[in-house]
Each structure stands twice: as structure tokens, then as C-alpha cells.
Amino acid sequence: MTDSATRRYRGLFPVVPTTFTEDGQLDLASQRRAVDFMIDAGSEGLCILANFSEQFLLADAEREVLTRAILEHVAGRVPVIVTTTHFSTRVCAERSRHAQDLGAAMVMVMPPYHGATFRVGEPHIEAFYRRLSDAIDIPIMVQDAPAAGTPLSAAFLARMAKEIEQLAYFKIESAGAAAKLRELIRLGGDAIEGPWDGEEAITLLPDLEAGATGSMTGGGFPDGIRPILDAYREGRRDDAIAAYERWLPLINLENRQCGFLAAKALMKEGGIIDCEAPRHPWPTLHPAARSLLIETARRLDVLALRWRG
């Protein structure tokens, strides 16, 4: 396994929500406040334009605006991963080169997919990532997510890691994540620079036990997730378990009830952003789910509810 000193990126990299006005326009002022809050709350890096950023509801021109605005505002305070997923190899490579030129530390890319049935096989997936690697000089994170509906075995991922230069990070969100992480690390060895956890940290503890060195969560409460990671990597396993058990009710509400709207609801409740609405046609958060989310967050004294920047 890659030595910790040679891992370029590790720790907590939450997903930044995309903020809109009530009529669905980009709200860049709220966007910048959200970024500032997430950094102040303990994020060691950020990820933008991911599924939890409502990337599937954004126009290409808006992706450009957001990438430039967020990277300029972060100004090197923390590394930023830019999601550049697209079915087309050429489009994905162009997006990735552009993100690199603007200062992205890494790109995150799901395997090619579209809708419920449009998929390609392993030879084409491998060629996709190989051409992407040839186009950029920064690490690629493979997002192994249920949304793609594409089977990616640990053996296949490990082989690509060994053979494709920039392919070094793996966000494992598929079922049985801990077992897959363990197998990926065993098969890939030093080629697996970043075995990462996802899925809003719902499986964080078993994933850490399996060898995960990073976690990409929702952006609403980095102050709750960061102490778990810190304690675990410092060898304070009992403290990590206790912290995880304390925050698990809120993690569960985000993962199973509120989804990407959890971060927006918390930030709106705390006055960080002006509007928590998703972009149409995504439905708004049910009032009962929102109420329980805020109640649970207040019990935990979540920073988002009292941050003043």
C-alpha cells in the first residue's frame, strides 16, 4: 500500500452544493459563502459539480461559471476536485483539461453511462480512462457509484490503476464498499494511492477499517465528520467509534431521507445561503424530513446553524 507520505490527497473532501435563487438562477454570492463555511468547518478539500451538486441539472456554460468562480474564490486554501463525468471520451477529456487549467487538484469521473440502459463494456471503459489520463497531468478519481449502473470489479479497477498513469484514486460507493475497498487495496498495492469512502459517510467506519484514507461526504456538517477521520488516523479508534455513533443519526437522515438537499437546508437555516431550493424538476425537501434534520442538527450543535463567517 502507498505510504501515507506519498499520498497527495487524503482526509475529508465534502461535496459543495450548487446554490440557486428562487427562480433557479445561479446564486454566486451564496455559493462563495457555502465554500467559506465548508472550509471553516474543517474540510481538507472540496469537490464540485458532483451528483450532490446537482450536476445533472446544470448547463455546460454554468459548469464553466461555477468551476471558475469556486476555484478563484478558494484561491488555493484547500485542493478542489472537479467532477467532469460525461459519456463522451472527448467531452470528458476537454472538461478535465479545462478543470486542470483552472486549478483543479483532481478530476472525479464515473464510467461512461447514460440513462438506464446505455453502457459500454470493460474494454471501452478502460480505453475511456486511458485516453482521459493521456489528456491531463492531475490524478483521476474513479467514482464507483450506483448511479452509473456499471459493474466495476475490484480486479478491473486494480488493473487499471496499475496500467493507467493518472488513475490513482477510487471513491467506492457500491454495495459492500468495505469489502471492495479491502480487495482493491490487496490487488492494487502501491497503485491505489487513494482508496476513498463516499455515500455521505453512511459506511464510514467499516470503510476506514478496510483501509480508506479519504471520505467524500455531503457538505452540511464537515465539523461532525472531520473529528471521526482525525481520531481514526491518529490511532484513537475508540474515539472515532464514539464520534461516529454520535453523528450517525444525522448521517442517516442525509443518506436515507434528505439526500443532497440536507446540506442546503442546514446552510439556509443557518443563514449561510439565501435559498435551499433545488432546481426544477427535482422536488423540494418534505417539511417533516426537514424538521427532523434541523432538530437533529441542533442537538448536535452543528456549525452550519451558528456560523457567521
C-alpha atoms as a PDB file:
ATOM      1  CA  MET A   1       0.000   0.000   0.000  1.00  0.00           C
ATOM      2  CA  THR A   2       1.199   3.503  -0.797  1.00  0.00           C
ATOM      3  CA  ASP A   3       2.947   5.146   2.141  1.00  0.00           C
ATOM      4  CA  SER A   4       0.940   7.945   3.750  1.00  0.00           C
ATOM      5  CA  ALA A   5       3.698  10.449   2.982  1.00  0.00           C
ATOM      6  CA  THR A   6       3.330   9.847  -0.764  1.00  0.00           C
ATOM      7  CA  ARG A   7      -0.452  10.262  -0.888  1.00  0.00           C
ATOM      8  CA  ARG A   8      -1.152  13.635  -2.389  1.00  0.00           C
ATOM      9  CA  TYR A   9      -4.677  13.872  -1.022  1.00  0.00           C
ATOM     10  CA  ARG A  10      -6.407  12.292   1.942  1.00  0.00           C
ATOM     11  CA  GLY A  11      -8.994  13.158   4.564  1.00  0.00           C
ATOM     12  CA  LEU A  12     -12.319  14.947   4.241  1.00  0.00           C
ATOM     13  CA  PHE A  13     -13.364  16.327   0.819  1.00  0.00           C
ATOM     14  CA  PRO A  14     -17.107  17.102   1.035  1.00  0.00           C
ATOM     15  CA  VAL A  15     -19.243  17.920  -1.984  1.00  0.00           C
ATOM     16  CA  VAL A  16     -20.149  21.578  -2.430  1.00  0.00           C
ATOM     17  CA  PRO A  17     -23.874  22.090  -3.129  1.00  0.00           C
ATOM     18  CA  THR A  18     -24.828  24.313  -6.039  1.00  0.00           C
ATOM     19  CA  THR A  19     -26.851  27.281  -4.824  1.00  0.00           C
ATOM     20  CA  PHE A  20     -29.716  28.781  -6.794  1.00  0.00           C
ATOM     21  CA  THR A  21     -32.089  31.702  -6.439  1.00  0.00           C
ATOM     22  CA  GLU A  22     -35.813  31.082  -6.002  1.00  0.00           C
ATOM     23  CA  ASP A  23     -36.288  31.251  -9.764  1.00  0.00           C
ATOM     24  CA  GLY A  24     -33.490  28.771 -10.443  1.00  0.00           C
ATOM     25  CA  GLN A  25     -30.605  31.059 -11.407  1.00  0.00           C
ATOM     26  CA  LEU A  26     -27.086  30.532 -10.084  1.00  0.00           C
ATOM     27  CA  ASP A  27     -26.504  32.410  -6.816  1.00  0.00           C
ATOM     28  CA  LEU A  28     -22.754  33.002  -6.741  1.00  0.00           C
ATOM     29  CA  ALA A  29     -22.809  35.083  -3.557  1.00  0.00           C
ATOM     30  CA  SER A  30     -24.399  32.211  -1.639  1.00  0.00           C
ATOM     31  CA  GLN A  31     -22.042  29.823  -3.438  1.00  0.00           C
ATOM     32  CA  ARG A  32     -18.994  31.637  -2.100  1.00  0.00           C
ATOM     33  CA  ARG A  33     -20.386  31.722   1.444  1.00  0.00           C
ATOM     34  CA  ALA A  34     -21.075  27.993   1.274  1.00  0.00           C
ATOM     35  CA  VAL A  35     -17.465  27.367   0.267  1.00  0.00           C
ATOM     36  CA  ASP A  36     -16.133  29.580   3.062  1.00  0.00           C
ATOM     37  CA  PHE A  37     -18.284  27.785   5.615  1.00  0.00           C
ATOM     38  CA  MET A  38     -17.187  24.347   4.431  1.00  0.00           C
ATOM     39  CA  ILE A  39     -13.522  25.298   4.706  1.00  0.00           C
ATOM     40  CA  ASP A  40     -14.016  26.854   8.152  1.00  0.00           C
ATOM     41  CA  ALA A  41     -15.896  23.720   9.260  1.00  0.00           C
ATOM     42  CA  GLY A  42     -12.834  21.534   8.739  1.00  0.00           C
ATOM     43  CA  SER A  43     -12.910  20.378   5.121  1.00  0.00           C
ATOM     44  CA  GLU A  44      -9.446  19.318   3.975  1.00  0.00           C
ATOM     45  CA  GLY A  45     -10.514  19.694   0.363  1.00  0.00           C
ATOM     46  CA  LEU A  46     -13.689  20.174  -1.655  1.00  0.00           C
ATOM     47  CA  CYS A  47     -15.447  18.501  -4.573  1.00  0.00           C
ATOM     48  CA  ILE A  48     -17.600  20.471  -7.004  1.00  0.00           C
ATOM     49  CA  LEU A  49     -20.065  19.594  -9.780  1.00  0.00           C
ATOM     50  CA  ALA A  50     -20.773  16.146  -8.336  1.00  0.00           C
ATOM     51  CA  ASN A  51     -24.182  14.483  -8.225  1.00  0.00           C
ATOM     52  CA  PHE A  52     -24.704  16.089  -4.802  1.00  0.00           C
ATOM     53  CA  SER A  53     -24.021  19.405  -6.578  1.00  0.00           C
ATOM     54  CA  GLU A  54     -26.989  18.758  -8.887  1.00  0.00           C
ATOM     55  CA  GLN A  55     -24.570  18.486 -11.815  1.00  0.00           C
ATOM     56  CA  PHE A  56     -27.245  16.694 -13.845  1.00  0.00           C
ATOM     57  CA  LEU A  57     -29.344  19.878 -13.716  1.00  0.00           C
ATOM     58  CA  LEU A  58     -26.609  22.251 -14.911  1.00  0.00           C
ATOM     59  CA  ALA A  59     -25.947  23.616 -18.374  1.00  0.00           C
ATOM     60  CA  ASP A  60     -22.406  23.381 -19.759  1.00  0.00           C
ATOM     61  CA  ALA A  61     -21.991  27.147 -19.594  1.00  0.00           C
ATOM     62  CA  GLU A  62     -22.998  27.090 -15.929  1.00  0.00           C
ATOM     63  CA  ARG A  63     -20.388  24.421 -15.209  1.00  0.00           C
ATOM     64  CA  GLU A  64     -17.781  26.813 -16.604  1.00  0.00           C
ATOM     65  CA  VAL A  65     -19.060  29.692 -14.470  1.00  0.00           C
ATOM     66  CA  LEU A  66     -19.118  27.584 -11.304  1.00  0.00           C
ATOM     67  CA  THR A  67     -15.719  25.976 -11.835  1.00  0.00           C
ATOM     68  CA  ARG A  68     -14.032  29.308 -12.421  1.00  0.00           C
ATOM     69  CA  ALA A  69     -15.866  31.152  -9.643  1.00  0.00           C
ATOM     70  CA  ILE A  70     -15.293  28.491  -6.992  1.00  0.00           C
ATOM     71  CA  LEU A  71     -11.638  27.839  -7.814  1.00  0.00           C
ATOM     72  CA  GLU A  72     -10.905  31.555  -7.869  1.00  0.00           C
ATOM     73  CA  HIS A  73     -12.676  32.022  -4.542  1.00  0.00           C
ATOM     74  CA  VAL A  74     -10.960  29.059  -2.877  1.00  0.00           C
ATOM     75  CA  ALA A  75      -7.663  30.540  -4.081  1.00  0.00           C
ATOM     76  CA  GLY A  76      -5.585  27.554  -3.030  1.00  0.00           C
ATOM     77  CA  ARG A  77      -6.830  27.377   0.553  1.00  0.00           C
ATOM     78  CA  VAL A  78      -7.694  23.705   0.020  1.00  0.00           C
ATOM     79  CA  PRO A  79      -7.403  21.383  -3.005  1.00  0.00           C
ATOM     80  CA  VAL A  80     -10.527  21.131  -5.165  1.00  0.00           C
ATOM     81  CA  ILE A  81     -11.712  18.057  -7.060  1.00  0.00           C
ATOM     82  CA  VAL A  82     -13.829  18.832 -10.131  1.00  0.00           C
ATOM     83  CA  THR A  83     -16.313  16.245 -11.377  1.00  0.00           C
ATOM     84  CA  THR A  84     -16.047  16.009 -15.171  1.00  0.00           C
ATOM     85  CA  THR A  85     -18.173  12.932 -15.905  1.00  0.00           C
ATOM     86  CA  HIS A  86     -19.553  12.623 -19.435  1.00  0.00           C
ATOM     87  CA  PHE A  87     -20.357   9.661 -21.673  1.00  0.00           C
ATOM     88  CA  SER A  88     -18.181  11.038 -24.472  1.00  0.00           C
ATOM     89  CA  THR A  89     -14.459  10.433 -24.057  1.00  0.00           C
ATOM     90  CA  ARG A  90     -13.669  13.599 -25.971  1.00  0.00           C
ATOM     91  CA  VAL A  91     -16.038  15.783 -23.964  1.00  0.00           C
ATOM     92  CA  CYS A  92     -14.828  14.322 -20.677  1.00  0.00           C
ATOM     93  CA  ALA A  93     -11.199  14.925 -21.648  1.00  0.00           C
ATOM     94  CA  GLU A  94     -11.971  18.509 -22.673  1.00  0.00           C
ATOM     95  CA  ARG A  95     -13.811  19.150 -19.416  1.00  0.00           C
ATOM     96  CA  SER A  96     -10.921  17.637 -17.472  1.00  0.00           C
ATOM     97  CA  ARG A  97      -8.227  19.644 -19.250  1.00  0.00           C
ATOM     98  CA  HIS A  98     -10.234  22.803 -18.658  1.00  0.00           C
ATOM     99  CA  ALA A  99     -10.621  21.987 -14.955  1.00  0.00           C
ATOM    100  CA  GLN A 100      -6.883  21.355 -14.727  1.00  0.00           C
ATOM    101  CA  ASP A 101      -6.123  24.678 -16.429  1.00  0.00           C
ATOM    102  CA  LEU A 102      -8.326  26.488 -13.909  1.00  0.00           C
ATOM    103  CA  GLY A 103      -6.515  24.910 -10.960  1.00  0.00           C
ATOM    104  CA  ALA A 104      -8.308  21.659 -10.133  1.00  0.00           C
ATOM    105  CA  ALA A 105      -6.260  19.279  -7.992  1.00  0.00           C
ATOM    106  CA  MET A 106      -8.021  16.192  -9.344  1.00  0.00           C
ATOM    107  CA  VAL A 107     -10.951  15.178 -11.516  1.00  0.00           C
ATOM    108  CA  MET A 108     -13.618  12.692 -10.487  1.00  0.00           C
ATOM    109  CA  VAL A 109     -15.213  10.657 -13.269  1.00  0.00           C
ATOM    110  CA  MET A 110     -17.860   7.948 -13.363  1.00  0.00           C
ATOM    111  CA  PRO A 111     -17.584   5.305 -16.086  1.00  0.00           C
ATOM    112  CA  PRO A 112     -19.496   6.109 -19.289  1.00  0.00           C
ATOM    113  CA  TYR A 113     -23.251   5.710 -18.852  1.00  0.00           C
ATOM    114  CA  HIS A 114     -26.479   7.348 -19.908  1.00  0.00           C
ATOM    115  CA  GLY A 115     -29.947   6.714 -18.562  1.00  0.00           C
ATOM    116  CA  ALA A 116     -30.960   3.232 -17.509  1.00  0.00           C
ATOM    117  CA  THR A 117     -29.542   1.175 -20.350  1.00  0.00           C
ATOM    118  CA  PHE A 118     -26.748   2.911 -22.272  1.00  0.00           C
ATOM    119  CA  ARG A 119     -23.483   1.268 -21.138  1.00  0.00           C
ATOM    120  CA  VAL A 120     -20.186   0.075 -22.586  1.00  0.00           C
ATOM    121  CA  GLY A 121     -18.062  -2.929 -21.633  1.00  0.00           C
ATOM    122  CA  GLU A 122     -14.736  -3.132 -19.824  1.00  0.00           C
ATOM    123  CA  PRO A 123     -12.511  -2.684 -22.921  1.00  0.00           C
ATOM    124  CA  HIS A 124     -14.239   0.604 -23.732  1.00  0.00           C
ATOM    125  CA  ILE A 125     -14.235   1.742 -20.103  1.00  0.00           C
ATOM    126  CA  GLU A 126     -10.509   1.066 -19.888  1.00  0.00           C
ATOM    127  CA  ALA A 127      -9.873   2.942 -23.143  1.00  0.00           C
ATOM    128  CA  PHE A 128     -12.019   5.815 -21.847  1.00  0.00           C
ATOM    129  CA  TYR A 129      -9.914   6.254 -18.703  1.00  0.00           C
ATOM    130  CA  ARG A 130      -6.650   5.683 -20.593  1.00  0.00           C
ATOM    131  CA  ARG A 131      -7.437   8.490 -23.057  1.00  0.00           C
ATOM    132  CA  LEU A 132      -8.530  10.719 -20.194  1.00  0.00           C
ATOM    133  CA  SER A 133      -5.219  10.054 -18.426  1.00  0.00           C
ATOM    134  CA  ASP A 134      -3.321  10.936 -21.583  1.00  0.00           C
ATOM    135  CA  ALA A 135      -5.126  14.285 -21.736  1.00  0.00           C
ATOM    136  CA  ILE A 136      -4.263  15.592 -18.246  1.00  0.00           C
ATOM    137  CA  ASP A 137      -1.481  15.734 -15.672  1.00  0.00           C
ATOM    138  CA  ILE A 138      -3.533  15.558 -12.467  1.00  0.00           C
ATOM    139  CA  PRO A 139      -4.960  12.494 -10.692  1.00  0.00           C
ATOM    140  CA  ILE A 140      -8.191  10.862 -11.757  1.00  0.00           C
ATOM    141  CA  MET A 141     -10.649   9.525  -9.205  1.00  0.00           C
ATOM    142  CA  VAL A 142     -12.930   6.757 -10.429  1.00  0.00           C
ATOM    143  CA  GLN A 143     -16.377   7.209  -8.917  1.00  0.00           C
ATOM    144  CA  ASP A 144     -17.776   3.719  -8.440  1.00  0.00           C
ATOM    145  CA  ALA A 145     -21.348   4.825  -7.833  1.00  0.00           C
ATOM    146  CA  PRO A 146     -24.704   3.028  -8.093  1.00  0.00           C
ATOM    147  CA  ALA A 147     -25.965   5.870 -10.318  1.00  0.00           C
ATOM    148  CA  ALA A 148     -23.741   4.682 -13.153  1.00  0.00           C
ATOM    149  CA  GLY A 149     -25.189   1.182 -13.039  1.00  0.00           C
ATOM    150  CA  THR A 150     -21.865  -0.121 -14.353  1.00  0.00           C
ATOM    151  CA  PRO A 151     -20.201  -3.101 -12.650  1.00  0.00           C
ATOM    152  CA  LEU A 152     -16.573  -2.299 -11.797  1.00  0.00           C
ATOM    153  CA  SER A 153     -14.883  -5.232 -10.107  1.00  0.00           C
ATOM    154  CA  ALA A 154     -12.022  -4.687  -7.700  1.00  0.00           C
ATOM    155  CA  ALA A 155      -9.791  -6.701 -10.037  1.00  0.00           C
ATOM    156  CA  PHE A 156     -10.665  -4.476 -13.004  1.00  0.00           C
ATOM    157  CA  LEU A 157     -10.108  -1.276 -11.009  1.00  0.00           C
ATOM    158  CA  ALA A 158      -6.800  -2.545  -9.630  1.00  0.00           C
ATOM    159  CA  ARG A 159      -5.566  -3.470 -13.100  1.00  0.00           C
ATOM    160  CA  MET A 160      -6.458  -0.040 -14.472  1.00  0.00           C
ATOM    161  CA  ALA A 161      -4.683   1.597 -11.518  1.00  0.00           C
ATOM    162  CA  LYS A 162      -1.516  -0.315 -12.336  1.00  0.00           C
ATOM    163  CA  GLU A 163      -1.650   0.363 -16.062  1.00  0.00           C
ATOM    164  CA  ILE A 164      -3.105   3.897 -16.415  1.00  0.00           C
ATOM    165  CA  GLU A 165      -0.814   6.671 -15.247  1.00  0.00           C
ATOM    166  CA  GLN A 166      -3.158   9.196 -13.644  1.00  0.00           C
ATOM    167  CA  LEU A 167      -5.703   6.682 -12.320  1.00  0.00           C
ATOM    168  CA  ALA A 168      -4.883   6.595  -8.611  1.00  0.00           C
ATOM    169  CA  TYR A 169      -7.997   7.424  -6.549  1.00  0.00           C
ATOM    170  CA  PHE A 170     -11.177   5.407  -6.135  1.00  0.00           C
ATOM    171  CA  LYS A 171     -14.372   6.546  -4.463  1.00  0.00           C
ATOM    172  CA  ILE A 172     -16.215   3.331  -3.658  1.00  0.00           C
ATOM    173  CA  GLU A 173     -19.956   3.782  -3.141  1.00  0.00           C
ATOM    174  CA  SER A 174     -21.260   0.468  -4.416  1.00  0.00           C
ATOM    175  CA  ALA A 175     -22.840  -2.127  -2.117  1.00  0.00           C
ATOM    176  CA  GLY A 176     -20.363  -3.842   0.181  1.00  0.00           C
ATOM    177  CA  ALA A 177     -17.974  -0.903  -0.020  1.00  0.00           C
ATOM    178  CA  ALA A 178     -15.688  -2.046   2.794  1.00  0.00           C
ATOM    179  CA  ALA A 179     -15.138  -5.486   1.285  1.00  0.00           C
ATOM    180  CA  LYS A 180     -14.480  -3.939  -2.123  1.00  0.00           C
ATOM    181  CA  LEU A 181     -12.032  -1.411  -0.682  1.00  0.00           C
ATOM    182  CA  ARG A 182     -10.165  -4.178   1.102  1.00  0.00           C
ATOM    183  CA  GLU A 183      -9.917  -6.238  -2.081  1.00  0.00           C
ATOM    184  CA  LEU A 184      -8.942  -3.226  -4.185  1.00  0.00           C
ATOM    185  CA  ILE A 185      -6.099  -2.405  -1.804  1.00  0.00           C
ATOM    186  CA  ARG A 186      -4.951  -6.036  -1.732  1.00  0.00           C
ATOM    187  CA  LEU A 187      -4.918  -6.363  -5.505  1.00  0.00           C
ATOM    188  CA  GLY A 188      -3.707  -2.885  -6.408  1.00  0.00           C
ATOM    189  CA  GLY A 189      -0.967  -2.371  -3.842  1.00  0.00           C
ATOM    190  CA  ASP A 190       1.016   0.822  -4.331  1.00  0.00           C
ATOM    191  CA  ALA A 191      -1.041   1.776  -7.384  1.00  0.00           C
ATOM    192  CA  ILE A 192      -4.011   2.549  -5.098  1.00  0.00           C
ATOM    193  CA  GLU A 193      -2.940   5.952  -3.833  1.00  0.00           C
ATOM    194  CA  GLY A 194      -6.391   6.927  -2.607  1.00  0.00           C
ATOM    195  CA  PRO A 195      -8.974   4.350  -1.557  1.00  0.00           C
ATOM    196  CA  TRP A 196     -11.893   6.579  -0.564  1.00  0.00           C
ATOM    197  CA  ASP A 197     -15.282   6.294   1.067  1.00  0.00           C
ATOM    198  CA  GLY A 198     -18.461   8.016  -0.172  1.00  0.00           C
ATOM    199  CA  GLU A 199     -22.232   7.672   0.254  1.00  0.00           C
ATOM    200  CA  GLU A 200     -22.453  10.515   2.797  1.00  0.00           C
ATOM    201  CA  ALA A 201     -20.291   8.524   5.262  1.00  0.00           C
ATOM    202  CA  ILE A 202     -23.066   6.019   5.962  1.00  0.00           C
ATOM    203  CA  THR A 203     -20.418   3.254   5.831  1.00  0.00           C
ATOM    204  CA  LEU A 204     -17.509   5.402   7.027  1.00  0.00           C
ATOM    205  CA  LEU A 205     -16.391   3.337   9.998  1.00  0.00           C
ATOM    206  CA  PRO A 206     -16.208  -0.045   8.212  1.00  0.00           C
ATOM    207  CA  ASP A 207     -14.607   1.693   5.250  1.00  0.00           C
ATOM    208  CA  LEU A 208     -11.893   3.176   7.482  1.00  0.00           C
ATOM    209  CA  GLU A 209     -11.364  -0.260   8.973  1.00  0.00           C
ATOM    210  CA  ALA A 210     -10.927  -1.576   5.423  1.00  0.00           C
ATOM    211  CA  GLY A 211      -8.210   0.972   4.672  1.00  0.00           C
ATOM    212  CA  ALA A 212      -9.994   4.043   3.290  1.00  0.00           C
ATOM    213  CA  THR A 213      -7.793   7.129   3.530  1.00  0.00           C
ATOM    214  CA  GLY A 214     -10.310   9.708   2.352  1.00  0.00           C
ATOM    215  CA  SER A 215     -14.011  10.409   2.517  1.00  0.00           C
ATOM    216  CA  MET A 216     -16.284  12.412   0.233  1.00  0.00           C
ATOM    217  CA  THR A 217     -19.453  13.316   2.110  1.00  0.00           C
ATOM    218  CA  GLY A 218     -22.223  15.869   1.871  1.00  0.00           C
ATOM    219  CA  GLY A 219     -21.233  19.438   2.686  1.00  0.00           C
ATOM    220  CA  GLY A 220     -23.595  20.281   5.542  1.00  0.00           C
ATOM    221  CA  PHE A 221     -21.577  19.192   8.568  1.00  0.00           C
ATOM    222  CA  PRO A 222     -17.837  18.753   7.950  1.00  0.00           C
ATOM    223  CA  ASP A 223     -17.360  19.697  11.619  1.00  0.00           C
ATOM    224  CA  GLY A 224     -19.006  16.384  12.535  1.00  0.00           C
ATOM    225  CA  ILE A 225     -17.152  14.145  10.095  1.00  0.00           C
ATOM    226  CA  ARG A 226     -13.647  15.595  10.461  1.00  0.00           C
ATOM    227  CA  PRO A 227     -13.147  14.523  14.107  1.00  0.00           C
ATOM    228  CA  ILE A 228     -14.006  10.922  13.171  1.00  0.00           C
ATOM    229  CA  LEU A 229     -11.323  10.873  10.492  1.00  0.00           C
ATOM    230  CA  ASP A 230      -8.786  12.662  12.683  1.00  0.00           C
ATOM    231  CA  ALA A 231      -9.269  10.281  15.567  1.00  0.00           C
ATOM    232  CA  TYR A 232      -9.026   7.205  13.384  1.00  0.00           C
ATOM    233  CA  ARG A 233      -5.842   8.192  11.569  1.00  0.00           C
ATOM    234  CA  GLU A 234      -4.239   9.223  14.875  1.00  0.00           C
ATOM    235  CA  GLY A 235      -4.836   5.730  16.233  1.00  0.00           C
ATOM    236  CA  ARG A 236      -7.650   6.755  18.596  1.00  0.00           C
ATOM    237  CA  ARG A 237     -10.039   4.111  17.356  1.00  0.00           C
ATOM    238  CA  ASP A 238     -12.371   4.217  20.375  1.00  0.00           C
ATOM    239  CA  ASP A 239     -12.749   7.987  19.992  1.00  0.00           C
ATOM    240  CA  ALA A 240     -13.506   7.559  16.288  1.00  0.00           C
ATOM    241  CA  ILE A 241     -16.180   4.969  17.057  1.00  0.00           C
ATOM    242  CA  ALA A 242     -17.756   7.180  19.718  1.00  0.00           C
ATOM    243  CA  ALA A 243     -17.811  10.184  17.377  1.00  0.00           C
ATOM    244  CA  TYR A 244     -19.277   8.116  14.555  1.00  0.00           C
ATOM    245  CA  GLU A 245     -22.026   6.774  16.807  1.00  0.00           C
ATOM    246  CA  ARG A 246     -22.846  10.321  17.929  1.00  0.00           C
ATOM    247  CA  TRP A 247     -23.181  11.695  14.396  1.00  0.00           C
ATOM    248  CA  LEU A 248     -24.750   8.637  12.790  1.00  0.00           C
ATOM    249  CA  PRO A 249     -28.391   9.811  13.214  1.00  0.00           C
ATOM    250  CA  LEU A 250     -27.630  12.932  11.162  1.00  0.00           C
ATOM    251  CA  ILE A 251     -25.591  10.963   8.625  1.00  0.00           C
ATOM    252  CA  ASN A 252     -28.528   8.580   8.269  1.00  0.00           C
ATOM    253  CA  LEU A 253     -31.010  11.412   7.722  1.00  0.00           C
ATOM    254  CA  GLU A 254     -28.868  12.812   4.934  1.00  0.00           C
ATOM    255  CA  ASN A 255     -28.184   9.463   3.287  1.00  0.00           C
ATOM    256  CA  ARG A 256     -31.633   7.914   3.565  1.00  0.00           C
ATOM    257  CA  GLN A 257     -34.133  10.787   3.830  1.00  0.00           C
ATOM    258  CA  CYS A 258     -32.867  14.157   2.618  1.00  0.00           C
ATOM    259  CA  GLY A 259     -30.117  13.479   0.100  1.00  0.00           C
ATOM    260  CA  PHE A 260     -28.285  16.444  -1.376  1.00  0.00           C
ATOM    261  CA  LEU A 261     -30.931  18.820  -0.004  1.00  0.00           C
ATOM    262  CA  ALA A 262     -29.677  18.199   3.548  1.00  0.00           C
ATOM    263  CA  ALA A 263     -26.653  20.465   3.111  1.00  0.00           C
ATOM    264  CA  LYS A 264     -28.771  23.214   1.583  1.00  0.00           C
ATOM    265  CA  ALA A 265     -31.373  23.026   4.344  1.00  0.00           C
ATOM    266  CA  LEU A 266     -28.727  23.292   7.059  1.00  0.00           C
ATOM    267  CA  MET A 267     -26.973  26.172   5.303  1.00  0.00           C
ATOM    268  CA  LYS A 268     -30.245  28.028   4.720  1.00  0.00           C
ATOM    269  CA  GLU A 269     -31.351  27.505   8.314  1.00  0.00           C
ATOM    270  CA  GLY A 270     -28.054  28.985   9.476  1.00  0.00           C
ATOM    271  CA  GLY A 271     -28.211  31.940   7.102  1.00  0.00           C
ATOM    272  CA  ILE A 272     -25.205  30.857   5.021  1.00  0.00           C
ATOM    273  CA  ILE A 273     -27.158  30.671   1.762  1.00  0.00           C
ATOM    274  CA  ASP A 274     -30.265  32.556   0.683  1.00  0.00           C
ATOM    275  CA  CYS A 275     -32.235  29.729  -0.907  1.00  0.00           C
ATOM    276  CA  GLU A 276     -32.269  25.972  -0.340  1.00  0.00           C
ATOM    277  CA  ALA A 277     -34.461  25.031  -3.296  1.00  0.00           C
ATOM    278  CA  PRO A 278     -33.206  22.504  -5.810  1.00  0.00           C
ATOM    279  CA  ARG A 279     -33.540  23.176  -9.483  1.00  0.00           C
ATOM    280  CA  HIS A 280     -36.809  22.082 -11.069  1.00  0.00           C
ATOM    281  CA  PRO A 281     -37.993  19.385 -11.620  1.00  0.00           C
ATOM    282  CA  TRP A 282     -36.291  17.968  -8.516  1.00  0.00           C
ATOM    283  CA  PRO A 283     -38.831  18.012  -5.640  1.00  0.00           C
ATOM    284  CA  THR A 284     -38.238  20.146  -2.592  1.00  0.00           C
ATOM    285  CA  LEU A 285     -37.469  18.587   0.776  1.00  0.00           C
ATOM    286  CA  HIS A 286     -40.540  17.337   2.648  1.00  0.00           C
ATOM    287  CA  PRO A 287     -41.260  19.620   5.639  1.00  0.00           C
ATOM    288  CA  ALA A 288     -41.310  16.683   8.074  1.00  0.00           C
ATOM    289  CA  ALA A 289     -37.927  15.430   6.882  1.00  0.00           C
ATOM    290  CA  ARG A 290     -36.511  18.950   7.074  1.00  0.00           C
ATOM    291  CA  SER A 291     -37.854  19.443  10.590  1.00  0.00           C
ATOM    292  CA  LEU A 292     -36.246  16.238  11.841  1.00  0.00           C
ATOM    293  CA  LEU A 293     -32.987  17.143  10.110  1.00  0.00           C
ATOM    294  CA  ILE A 294     -32.817  20.544  11.788  1.00  0.00           C
ATOM    295  CA  GLU A 295     -33.867  19.136  15.165  1.00  0.00           C
ATOM    296  CA  THR A 296     -31.128  16.512  14.998  1.00  0.00           C
ATOM    297  CA  ALA A 297     -28.570  19.079  13.857  1.00  0.00           C
ATOM    298  CA  ARG A 298     -29.446  21.419  16.731  1.00  0.00           C
ATOM    299  CA  ARG A 299     -28.995  18.582  19.207  1.00  0.00           C
ATOM    300  CA  LEU A 300     -25.503  18.068  17.787  1.00  0.00           C
ATOM    301  CA  ASP A 301     -24.763  21.812  17.722  1.00  0.00           C
ATOM    302  CA  VAL A 302     -23.900  21.704  14.029  1.00  0.00           C
ATOM    303  CA  LEU A 303     -21.689  24.618  12.976  1.00  0.00           C
ATOM    304  CA  ALA A 304     -23.838  25.419   9.943  1.00  0.00           C
ATOM    305  CA  LEU A 305     -26.606  26.646  12.262  1.00  0.00           C
ATOM    306  CA  ARG A 306     -24.368  29.187  14.012  1.00  0.00           C
ATOM    307  CA  TRP A 307     -21.591  30.058  11.519  1.00  0.00           C
ATOM    308  CA  ARG A 308     -21.243  33.760  10.835  1.00  0.00           C
ATOM    309  CA  GLY A 309     -18.175  33.796   8.599  1.00  0.00           C
END
